[in-house]
PDB file of N, CA and C in Angstrom:
ATOM      1  N   UNK A   1      76.765 138.008 172.385  1.00  0.00           N
ATOM      2  CA  UNK A   1      77.915 138.073 171.388  1.00  0.00           C
ATOM      3  C   UNK A   1      77.470 138.820 170.249  1.00  0.00           C
ATOM      4  N   UNK A   2      78.288 139.452 169.549  1.00  0.00           N
ATOM      5  CA  UNK A   2      78.199 140.312 168.338  1.00  0.00           C
ATOM      6  C   UNK A   2      78.140 139.438 167.143  1.00  0.00           C
ATOM      7  N   UNK A   3      77.498 140.129 166.055  1.00  0.00           N
ATOM      8  CA  UNK A   3      77.474 139.350 164.763  1.00  0.00           C
ATOM      9  C   UNK A   3      78.772 138.902 164.330  1.00  0.00           C
ATOM     10  N   UNK A   4      79.915 139.728 164.446  1.00  0.00           N
ATOM     11  CA  UNK A   4      81.097 139.497 164.052  1.00  0.00           C
ATOM     12  C   UNK A   4      81.651 138.057 164.690  1.00  0.00           C
ATOM     13  N   UNK A   5      81.367 138.062 166.058  1.00  0.00           N
ATOM     14  CA  UNK A   5      81.839 136.940 166.752  1.00  0.00           C
ATOM     15  C   UNK A   5      80.974 135.673 166.349  1.00  0.00           C
ATOM     16  N   UNK A   6      79.816 135.859 166.057  1.00  0.00           N
ATOM     17  CA  UNK A   6      78.955 134.574 165.685  1.00  0.00           C
ATOM     18  C   UNK A   6      79.404 134.183 164.206  1.00  0.00           C
ATOM     19  N   UNK A   7      79.878 135.248 163.262  1.00  0.00           N
ATOM     20  CA  UNK A   7      80.341 134.797 162.003  1.00  0.00           C
ATOM     21  C   UNK A   7      81.635 134.083 162.186  1.00  0.00           C
ATOM     22  N   UNK A   8      82.533 134.419 163.143  1.00  0.00           N
ATOM     23  CA  UNK A   8      83.838 133.670 163.490  1.00  0.00           C
ATOM     24  C   UNK A   8      83.375 132.381 163.906  1.00  0.00           C
ATOM     25  N   UNK A   9      82.312 132.067 164.756  1.00  0.00           N
ATOM     26  CA  UNK A   9      81.975 130.646 165.166  1.00  0.00           C
ATOM     27  C   UNK A   9      81.502 130.005 164.190  1.00  0.00           C
ATOM     28  N   UNK A  10      80.723 130.549 163.219  1.00  0.00           N
ATOM     29  CA  UNK A  10      80.309 129.831 161.986  1.00  0.00           C
ATOM     30  C   UNK A  10      81.362 129.401 160.997  1.00  0.00           C
ATOM     31  N   UNK A  11      82.266 130.376 160.757  1.00  0.00           N
ATOM     32  CA  UNK A  11      83.712 129.988 160.232  1.00  0.00           C
ATOM     33  C   UNK A  11      84.284 128.847 160.703  1.00  0.00           C
ATOM     34  N   UNK A  12      84.422 128.757 161.933  1.00  0.00           N
ATOM     35  CA  UNK A  12      85.186 127.665 162.689  1.00  0.00           C
ATOM     36  C   UNK A  12      84.502 126.509 162.481  1.00  0.00           C
ATOM     37  N   UNK A  13      83.074 126.412 162.622  1.00  0.00           N
ATOM     38  CA  UNK A  13      82.310 125.220 162.244  1.00  0.00           C
ATOM     39  C   UNK A  13      82.634 124.680 160.902  1.00  0.00           C
ATOM     40  N   UNK A  14      82.583 125.713 159.918  1.00  0.00           N
ATOM     41  CA  UNK A  14      82.833 125.293 158.523  1.00  0.00           C
ATOM     42  C   UNK A  14      84.185 124.679 158.346  1.00  0.00           C
ATOM     43  N   UNK A  15      85.083 125.284 158.807  1.00  0.00           N
ATOM     44  CA  UNK A  15      86.625 124.844 158.805  1.00  0.00           C
ATOM     45  C   UNK A  15      86.438 123.358 159.229  1.00  0.00           C
ATOM     46  N   UNK A  16      86.055 123.070 160.430  1.00  0.00           N
ATOM     47  CA  UNK A  16      86.126 121.828 160.901  1.00  0.00           C
ATOM     48  C   UNK A  16      85.190 120.834 160.312  1.00  0.00           C
ATOM     49  N   UNK A  17      84.183 121.208 159.819  1.00  0.00           N
ATOM     50  CA  UNK A  17      83.346 120.252 158.945  1.00  0.00           C
ATOM     51  C   UNK A  17      84.053 119.993 157.667  1.00  0.00           C
ATOM     52  N   UNK A  18      84.511 120.879 157.120  1.00  0.00           N
ATOM     53  CA  UNK A  18      85.237 120.509 155.748  1.00  0.00           C
ATOM     54  C   UNK A  18      86.485 119.715 155.925  1.00  0.00           C
ATOM     55  N   UNK A  19      87.013 119.946 157.068  1.00  0.00           N
ATOM     56  CA  UNK A  19      88.256 118.992 157.370  1.00  0.00           C
ATOM     57  C   UNK A  19      87.796 117.624 157.573  1.00  0.00           C
ATOM     58  N   UNK A  20      86.568 117.547 158.473  1.00  0.00           N
ATOM     59  CA  UNK A  20      85.952 116.217 158.888  1.00  0.00           C
ATOM     60  C   UNK A  20      85.616 115.490 157.409  1.00  0.00           C
ATOM     61  N   UNK A  21      85.068 116.138 156.579  1.00  0.00           N
ATOM     62  CA  UNK A  21      84.520 115.658 155.213  1.00  0.00           C
ATOM     63  C   UNK A  21      85.701 115.077 154.450  1.00  0.00           C
ATOM     64  N   UNK A  22      86.788 115.939 154.389  1.00  0.00           N
ATOM     65  CA  UNK A  22      87.956 115.456 153.672  1.00  0.00           C
ATOM     66  C   UNK A  22      88.647 114.156 154.384  1.00  0.00           C
ATOM     67  N   UNK A  23      88.577 114.194 155.599  1.00  0.00           N
ATOM     68  CA  UNK A  23      89.193 113.084 156.475  1.00  0.00           C
ATOM     69  C   UNK A  23      88.172 111.830 156.289  1.00  0.00           C
ATOM     70  N   UNK A  24      86.897 112.001 156.187  1.00  0.00           N
ATOM     71  CA  UNK A  24      86.150 110.832 155.938  1.00  0.00           C
ATOM     72  C   UNK A  24      86.221 110.369 154.623  1.00  0.00           C
ATOM     73  N   UNK A  25      86.358 111.128 153.689  1.00  0.00           N
ATOM     74  CA  UNK A  25      86.724 110.627 152.355  1.00  0.00           C
ATOM     75  C   UNK A  25      87.960 110.018 152.123  1.00  0.00           C
ATOM     76  N   UNK A  26      89.054 110.505 152.827  1.00  0.00           N
ATOM     77  CA  UNK A  26      90.213 109.850 152.730  1.00  0.00           C
ATOM     78  C   UNK A  26      90.124 108.491 153.459  1.00  0.00           C
ATOM     79  N   UNK A  27      89.498 108.610 154.578  1.00  0.00           N
ATOM     80  CA  UNK A  27      89.366 107.260 155.361  1.00  0.00           C
ATOM     81  C   UNK A  27      88.664 106.044 154.536  1.00  0.00           C
ATOM     82  N   UNK A  28      87.498 106.569 153.832  1.00  0.00           N
ATOM     83  CA  UNK A  28      86.773 105.497 153.113  1.00  0.00           C
ATOM     84  C   UNK A  28      87.638 104.920 151.995  1.00  0.00           C
ATOM     85  N   UNK A  29      88.628 105.733 151.473  1.00  0.00           N
ATOM     86  CA  UNK A  29      89.404 105.161 150.444  1.00  0.00           C
ATOM     87  C   UNK A  29      90.567 104.291 150.983  1.00  0.00           C
ATOM     88  N   UNK A  30      91.089 104.657 152.202  1.00  0.00           N
ATOM     89  CA  UNK A  30      92.210 103.861 152.737  1.00  0.00           C
ATOM     90  C   UNK A  30      91.838 102.787 153.803  1.00  0.00           C
ATOM     91  N   UNK A  31      90.795 103.008 154.527  1.00  0.00           N
ATOM     92  CA  UNK A  31      90.400 102.184 155.723  1.00  0.00           C
ATOM     93  C   UNK A  31      91.569 102.084 156.776  1.00  0.00           C
ATOM     94  N   UNK A  32      92.360 103.152 156.810  1.00  0.00           N
ATOM     95  CA  UNK A  32      93.497 103.001 157.796  1.00  0.00           C
ATOM     96  C   UNK A  32      93.326 104.527 158.596  1.00  0.00           C
ATOM     97  N   UNK A  33      92.591 104.371 159.768  1.00  0.00           N
ATOM     98  CA  UNK A  33      92.230 105.740 160.420  1.00  0.00           C
ATOM     99  C   UNK A  33      93.593 106.465 160.732  1.00  0.00           C
ATOM    100  N   UNK A  34      94.427 105.771 161.441  1.00  0.00           N
ATOM    101  CA  UNK A  34      95.744 106.398 161.830  1.00  0.00           C
ATOM    102  C   UNK A  34      96.389 107.011 160.725  1.00  0.00           C
ATOM    103  N   UNK A  35      96.513 106.333 159.686  1.00  0.00           N
ATOM    104  CA  UNK A  35      97.262 106.848 158.647  1.00  0.00           C
ATOM    105  C   UNK A  35      96.662 108.006 157.824  1.00  0.00           C
ATOM    106  N   UNK A  36      95.278 107.878 157.824  1.00  0.00           N
ATOM    107  CA  UNK A  36      94.439 109.022 157.402  1.00  0.00           C
ATOM    108  C   UNK A  36      94.648 110.289 158.079  1.00  0.00           C
ATOM    109  N   UNK A  37      94.563 110.211 159.447  1.00  0.00           N
ATOM    110  CA  UNK A  37      94.914 111.392 160.269  1.00  0.00           C
ATOM    111  C   UNK A  37      96.140 111.873 160.222  1.00  0.00           C
ATOM    112  N   UNK A  38      97.078 110.966 160.373  1.00  0.00           N
ATOM    113  CA  UNK A  38      98.512 111.451 160.473  1.00  0.00           C
ATOM    114  C   UNK A  38      99.095 112.027 159.158  1.00  0.00           C
ATOM    115  N   UNK A  39      98.439 111.618 158.086  1.00  0.00           N
ATOM    116  CA  UNK A  39      98.946 111.969 156.655  1.00  0.00           C
ATOM    117  C   UNK A  39      98.118 113.314 156.274  1.00  0.00           C
ATOM    118  N   UNK A  40      97.038 113.792 156.856  1.00  0.00           N
ATOM    119  CA  UNK A  40      96.422 114.900 156.752  1.00  0.00           C
ATOM    120  C   UNK A  40      97.158 116.147 156.748  1.00  0.00           C
ATOM    121  N   UNK A  41      97.029 117.143 155.845  1.00  0.00           N
ATOM    122  CA  UNK A  41      97.797 118.397 155.698  1.00  0.00           C
ATOM    123  C   UNK A  41      96.668 119.613 155.683  1.00  0.00           C
ATOM    124  N   UNK A  42      96.830 120.335 156.624  1.00  0.00           N
ATOM    125  CA  UNK A  42      97.887 120.754 157.488  1.00  0.00           C
ATOM    126  C   UNK A  42      97.662 119.756 158.664  1.00  0.00           C
ATOM    127  N   UNK A  43      98.693 119.465 159.417  1.00  0.00           N
ATOM    128  CA  UNK A  43      98.744 118.510 160.432  1.00  0.00           C
ATOM    129  C   UNK A  43      97.787 118.724 161.523  1.00  0.00           C
ATOM    130  N   UNK A  44      97.116 117.723 162.047  1.00  0.00           N
ATOM    131  CA  UNK A  44      96.040 117.838 162.978  1.00  0.00           C
ATOM    132  C   UNK A  44      96.756 117.796 164.384  1.00  0.00           C
ATOM    133  N   UNK A  45      96.351 118.699 165.238  1.00  0.00           N
ATOM    134  CA  UNK A  45      96.864 118.741 166.661  1.00  0.00           C
ATOM    135  C   UNK A  45      96.681 117.635 167.315  1.00  0.00           C
ATOM    136  N   UNK A  46      97.533 117.138 168.281  1.00  0.00           N
ATOM    137  CA  UNK A  46      97.421 115.917 168.813  1.00  0.00           C
ATOM    138  C   UNK A  46      96.125 115.672 169.641  1.00  0.00           C
ATOM    139  N   UNK A  47      95.693 116.763 170.384  1.00  0.00           N
ATOM    140  CA  UNK A  47      94.578 116.804 171.144  1.00  0.00           C
ATOM    141  C   UNK A  47      93.348 116.729 170.395  1.00  0.00           C
ATOM    142  N   UNK A  48      93.291 116.989 169.026  1.00  0.00           N
ATOM    143  CA  UNK A  48      92.104 116.753 168.238  1.00  0.00           C
ATOM    144  C   UNK A  48      91.898 115.603 167.626  1.00  0.00           C
ATOM    145  N   UNK A  49      93.008 114.698 167.493  1.00  0.00           N
ATOM    146  CA  UNK A  49      92.944 113.504 167.092  1.00  0.00           C
ATOM    147  C   UNK A  49      92.121 112.505 167.416  1.00  0.00           C
ATOM    148  N   UNK A  50      92.003 112.466 168.909  1.00  0.00           N
ATOM    149  CA  UNK A  50      91.014 111.624 169.401  1.00  0.00           C
ATOM    150  C   UNK A  50      89.517 111.926 169.198  1.00  0.00           C
ATOM    151  N   UNK A  51      89.193 113.135 169.107  1.00  0.00           N
ATOM    152  CA  UNK A  51      87.841 113.610 168.857  1.00  0.00           C
ATOM    153  C   UNK A  51      87.512 113.211 167.422  1.00  0.00           C
ATOM    154  N   UNK A  52      88.580 113.529 166.549  1.00  0.00           N
ATOM    155  CA  UNK A  52      88.351 113.321 165.112  1.00  0.00           C
ATOM    156  C   UNK A  52      88.096 111.805 164.874  1.00  0.00           C
ATOM    157  N   UNK A  53      88.887 110.952 165.359  1.00  0.00           N
ATOM    158  CA  UNK A  53      88.733 109.475 165.132  1.00  0.00           C
ATOM    159  C   UNK A  53      87.377 109.109 165.552  1.00  0.00           C
ATOM    160  N   UNK A  54      86.709 109.547 166.505  1.00  0.00           N
ATOM    161  CA  UNK A  54      85.280 109.236 166.869  1.00  0.00           C
ATOM    162  C   UNK A  54      84.384 109.779 165.951  1.00  0.00           C
ATOM    163  N   UNK A  55      84.604 111.178 165.431  1.00  0.00           N
ATOM    164  CA  UNK A  55      83.828 111.779 164.614  1.00  0.00           C
ATOM    165  C   UNK A  55      83.741 110.983 163.194  1.00  0.00           C
ATOM    166  N   UNK A  56      84.927 110.564 162.836  1.00  0.00           N
ATOM    167  CA  UNK A  56      84.978 109.882 161.528  1.00  0.00           C
ATOM    168  C   UNK A  56      84.182 108.607 161.485  1.00  0.00           C
ATOM    169  N   UNK A  57      84.340 107.958 162.679  1.00  0.00           N
ATOM    170  CA  UNK A  57      83.465 106.754 162.800  1.00  0.00           C
ATOM    171  C   UNK A  57      81.981 106.862 163.096  1.00  0.00           C
ATOM    172  N   UNK A  58      81.517 107.987 163.597  1.00  0.00           N
ATOM    173  CA  UNK A  58      80.108 108.173 164.032  1.00  0.00           C
ATOM    174  C   UNK A  58      79.548 108.774 162.480  1.00  0.00           C
ATOM    175  N   UNK A  59      80.042 110.002 162.003  1.00  0.00           N
ATOM    176  CA  UNK A  59      79.308 110.655 160.838  1.00  0.00           C
ATOM    177  C   UNK A  59      79.479 109.991 159.624  1.00  0.00           C
ATOM    178  N   UNK A  60      78.490 109.963 158.748  1.00  0.00           N
ATOM    179  CA  UNK A  60      78.536 109.542 157.496  1.00  0.00           C
ATOM    180  C   UNK A  60      78.751 110.748 156.454  1.00  0.00           C
ATOM    181  N   UNK A  61      79.102 110.525 155.312  1.00  0.00           N
ATOM    182  CA  UNK A  61      79.336 111.675 154.466  1.00  0.00           C
ATOM    183  C   UNK A  61      78.273 112.538 154.181  1.00  0.00           C
ATOM    184  N   UNK A  62      77.244 111.791 154.023  1.00  0.00           N
ATOM    185  CA  UNK A  62      75.723 112.686 153.647  1.00  0.00           C
ATOM    186  C   UNK A  62      75.549 113.573 154.755  1.00  0.00           C
ATOM    187  N   UNK A  63      75.543 113.024 156.019  1.00  0.00           N
ATOM    188  CA  UNK A  63      75.320 114.002 157.083  1.00  0.00           C
ATOM    189  C   UNK A  63      76.197 115.048 157.270  1.00  0.00           C
ATOM    190  N   UNK A  64      77.505 114.797 156.971  1.00  0.00           N
ATOM    191  CA  UNK A  64      78.491 115.874 156.974  1.00  0.00           C
ATOM    192  C   UNK A  64      78.203 116.954 156.000  1.00  0.00           C
ATOM    193  N   UNK A  65      77.829 116.553 154.791  1.00  0.00           N
ATOM    194  CA  UNK A  65      77.489 117.525 153.656  1.00  0.00           C
ATOM    195  C   UNK A  65      76.241 118.278 154.045  1.00  0.00           C
ATOM    196  N   UNK A  66      75.282 117.598 154.547  1.00  0.00           N
ATOM    197  CA  UNK A  66      73.975 118.288 154.919  1.00  0.00           C
ATOM    198  C   UNK A  66      74.190 119.354 156.097  1.00  0.00           C
ATOM    199  N   UNK A  67      75.124 119.044 156.946  1.00  0.00           N
ATOM    200  CA  UNK A  67      75.538 119.873 158.034  1.00  0.00           C
ATOM    201  C   UNK A  67      76.151 121.189 157.505  1.00  0.00           C
ATOM    202  N   UNK A  68      77.081 120.874 156.533  1.00  0.00           N
ATOM    203  CA  UNK A  68      77.803 121.996 155.938  1.00  0.00           C
ATOM    204  C   UNK A  68      76.889 122.867 155.294  1.00  0.00           C
ATOM    205  N   UNK A  69      75.937 122.479 154.660  1.00  0.00           N
ATOM    206  CA  UNK A  69      75.047 123.121 154.014  1.00  0.00           C
ATOM    207  C   UNK A  69      74.053 123.975 155.012  1.00  0.00           C
ATOM    208  N   UNK A  70      73.716 123.380 156.087  1.00  0.00           N
ATOM    209  CA  UNK A  70      72.876 124.246 157.135  1.00  0.00           C
ATOM    210  C   UNK A  70      73.746 125.284 157.844  1.00  0.00           C
ATOM    211  N   UNK A  71      74.963 125.021 157.943  1.00  0.00           N
ATOM    212  CA  UNK A  71      75.869 125.973 158.601  1.00  0.00           C
ATOM    213  C   UNK A  71      76.121 127.157 157.513  1.00  0.00           C
ATOM    214  N   UNK A  72      76.357 126.855 156.253  1.00  0.00           N
ATOM    215  CA  UNK A  72      76.239 127.858 155.259  1.00  0.00           C
ATOM    216  C   UNK A  72      74.994 128.762 155.036  1.00  0.00           C
ATOM    217  N   UNK A  73      74.010 128.215 155.235  1.00  0.00           N
ATOM    218  CA  UNK A  73      72.733 128.910 155.202  1.00  0.00           C
ATOM    219  C   UNK A  73      72.606 129.820 156.567  1.00  0.00           C
ATOM    220  N   UNK A  74      73.065 129.228 157.528  1.00  0.00           N
ATOM    221  CA  UNK A  74      72.984 130.025 158.929  1.00  0.00           C
ATOM    222  C   UNK A  74      73.986 131.252 158.772  1.00  0.00           C
ATOM    223  N   UNK A  75      75.173 131.120 157.989  1.00  0.00           N
ATOM    224  CA  UNK A  75      76.096 132.175 157.832  1.00  0.00           C
ATOM    225  C   UNK A  75      75.474 133.329 157.116  1.00  0.00           C
ATOM    226  N   UNK A  76      74.722 132.789 155.992  1.00  0.00           N
ATOM    227  CA  UNK A  76      74.064 133.768 155.137  1.00  0.00           C
ATOM    228  C   UNK A  76      72.942 134.693 155.914  1.00  0.00           C
ATOM    229  N   UNK A  77      72.281 133.776 156.701  1.00  0.00           N
ATOM    230  CA  UNK A  77      71.047 134.500 157.374  1.00  0.00           C
ATOM    231  C   UNK A  77      71.680 135.519 158.564  1.00  0.00           C
ATOM    232  N   UNK A  78      72.849 135.254 159.196  1.00  0.00           N
ATOM    233  CA  UNK A  78      73.536 136.013 160.099  1.00  0.00           C
ATOM    234  C   UNK A  78      73.863 137.206 159.450  1.00  0.00           C
ATOM    235  N   UNK A  79      74.676 137.050 158.326  1.00  0.00           N
ATOM    236  CA  UNK A  79      75.110 138.383 157.599  1.00  0.00           C
ATOM    237  C   UNK A  79      73.983 139.099 157.131  1.00  0.00           C
ATOM    238  N   UNK A  80      72.687 138.570 156.858  1.00  0.00           N
ATOM    239  CA  UNK A  80      71.645 139.149 156.269  1.00  0.00           C
ATOM    240  C   UNK A  80      70.931 139.892 157.508  1.00  0.00           C
ATOM    241  N   UNK A  81      70.948 139.404 158.730  1.00  0.00           N
ATOM    242  CA  UNK A  81      70.181 139.806 159.799  1.00  0.00           C
ATOM    243  C   UNK A  81      71.108 139.831 160.991  1.00  0.00           C
ATOM    244  N   UNK A  82      72.054 140.847 160.973  1.00  0.00           N
ATOM    245  CA  UNK A  82      72.977 140.749 162.149  1.00  0.00           C
ATOM    246  C   UNK A  82      72.361 141.037 163.557  1.00  0.00           C
ATOM    247  N   UNK A  83      71.308 141.835 163.630  1.00  0.00           N
ATOM    248  CA  UNK A  83      70.713 141.998 164.908  1.00  0.00           C
ATOM    249  C   UNK A  83      70.079 140.877 165.685  1.00  0.00           C
ATOM    250  N   UNK A  84      69.976 139.797 164.874  1.00  0.00           N
ATOM    251  CA  UNK A  84      69.536 138.492 165.429  1.00  0.00           C
ATOM    252  C   UNK A  84      70.460 137.424 165.444  1.00  0.00           C
ATOM    253  N   UNK A  85      71.793 137.776 165.124  1.00  0.00           N
ATOM    254  CA  UNK A  85      72.747 136.602 164.723  1.00  0.00           C
ATOM    255  C   UNK A  85      72.964 135.629 165.931  1.00  0.00           C
ATOM    256  N   UNK A  86      72.768 135.998 167.106  1.00  0.00           N
ATOM    257  CA  UNK A  86      72.953 135.152 168.493  1.00  0.00           C
ATOM    258  C   UNK A  86      71.764 134.050 168.237  1.00  0.00           C
ATOM    259  N   UNK A  87      70.700 134.677 168.035  1.00  0.00           N
ATOM    260  CA  UNK A  87      69.539 133.817 168.010  1.00  0.00           C
ATOM    261  C   UNK A  87      69.648 132.824 166.879  1.00  0.00           C
ATOM    262  N   UNK A  88      70.086 133.211 165.661  1.00  0.00           N
ATOM    263  CA  UNK A  88      70.075 132.338 164.555  1.00  0.00           C
ATOM    264  C   UNK A  88      71.175 131.206 164.869  1.00  0.00           C
ATOM    265  N   UNK A  89      72.339 131.671 165.347  1.00  0.00           N
ATOM    266  CA  UNK A  89      73.339 130.647 165.738  1.00  0.00           C
ATOM    267  C   UNK A  89      72.887 129.526 166.739  1.00  0.00           C
ATOM    268  N   UNK A  90      72.163 130.168 167.653  1.00  0.00           N
ATOM    269  CA  UNK A  90      71.815 129.281 168.819  1.00  0.00           C
ATOM    270  C   UNK A  90      70.624 128.317 168.302  1.00  0.00           C
ATOM    271  N   UNK A  91      69.811 128.645 167.400  1.00  0.00           N
ATOM    272  CA  UNK A  91      68.938 127.817 166.650  1.00  0.00           C
ATOM    273  C   UNK A  91      69.498 126.816 165.890  1.00  0.00           C
ATOM    274  N   UNK A  92      70.350 127.219 165.093  1.00  0.00           N
ATOM    275  CA  UNK A  92      71.052 126.256 164.210  1.00  0.00           C
ATOM    276  C   UNK A  92      71.583 125.105 165.157  1.00  0.00           C
ATOM    277  N   UNK A  93      72.292 125.511 166.329  1.00  0.00           N
ATOM    278  CA  UNK A  93      73.065 124.598 167.027  1.00  0.00           C
ATOM    279  C   UNK A  93      71.939 123.624 167.809  1.00  0.00           C
ATOM    280  N   UNK A  94      70.886 124.306 168.254  1.00  0.00           N
ATOM    281  CA  UNK A  94      69.937 123.419 168.864  1.00  0.00           C
ATOM    282  C   UNK A  94      69.252 122.551 167.873  1.00  0.00           C
ATOM    283  N   UNK A  95      68.968 123.014 166.520  1.00  0.00           N
ATOM    284  CA  UNK A  95      68.269 122.056 165.787  1.00  0.00           C
ATOM    285  C   UNK A  95      69.284 120.764 165.288  1.00  0.00           C
ATOM    286  N   UNK A  96      70.594 121.126 165.249  1.00  0.00           N
ATOM    287  CA  UNK A  96      71.509 119.997 165.072  1.00  0.00           C
ATOM    288  C   UNK A  96      71.437 118.980 166.370  1.00  0.00           C
ATOM    289  N   UNK A  97      71.579 119.525 167.376  1.00  0.00           N
ATOM    290  CA  UNK A  97      71.458 118.600 168.673  1.00  0.00           C
ATOM    291  C   UNK A  97      70.073 117.847 168.661  1.00  0.00           C
ATOM    292  N   UNK A  98      69.078 118.408 168.217  1.00  0.00           N
ATOM    293  CA  UNK A  98      67.723 117.692 168.210  1.00  0.00           C
ATOM    294  C   UNK A  98      67.796 116.660 167.009  1.00  0.00           C
ATOM    295  N   UNK A  99      68.491 116.803 166.024  1.00  0.00           N
ATOM    296  CA  UNK A  99      68.426 115.937 164.917  1.00  0.00           C
ATOM    297  C   UNK A  99      69.369 114.801 165.166  1.00  0.00           C
ATOM    298  N   UNK A 100      70.306 114.890 166.162  1.00  0.00           N
ATOM    299  CA  UNK A 100      71.359 113.913 166.355  1.00  0.00           C
ATOM    300  C   UNK A 100      71.055 113.061 167.496  1.00  0.00           C
ATOM    301  N   UNK A 101      69.932 113.443 168.399  1.00  0.00           N
ATOM    302  CA  UNK A 101      69.405 112.560 169.340  1.00  0.00           C
ATOM    303  C   UNK A 101      68.334 111.942 169.050  1.00  0.00           C
TER     304      UNK A 101
END
């Protein structure tokens, strides 16, 4: 994959992580998961709701923020070193898998 494709993947990760962070904050304030997800703007696609419910239950806010930081750092490295962008992206994903297991 090209550097541009890898940046697109990173941007998608960031978007989803920031959405998860906001949902987690909203859920922590309301304690009603269904209401939190259904009232979120922009609306969440129905197929994503099941996955998001599980993610909200599993992830804590500190871990989400740390992952956002790591993804941002990876984006910077990809932009700085486009010739090894695939390797950088793969390394970031593998590191996250290793820390979660």
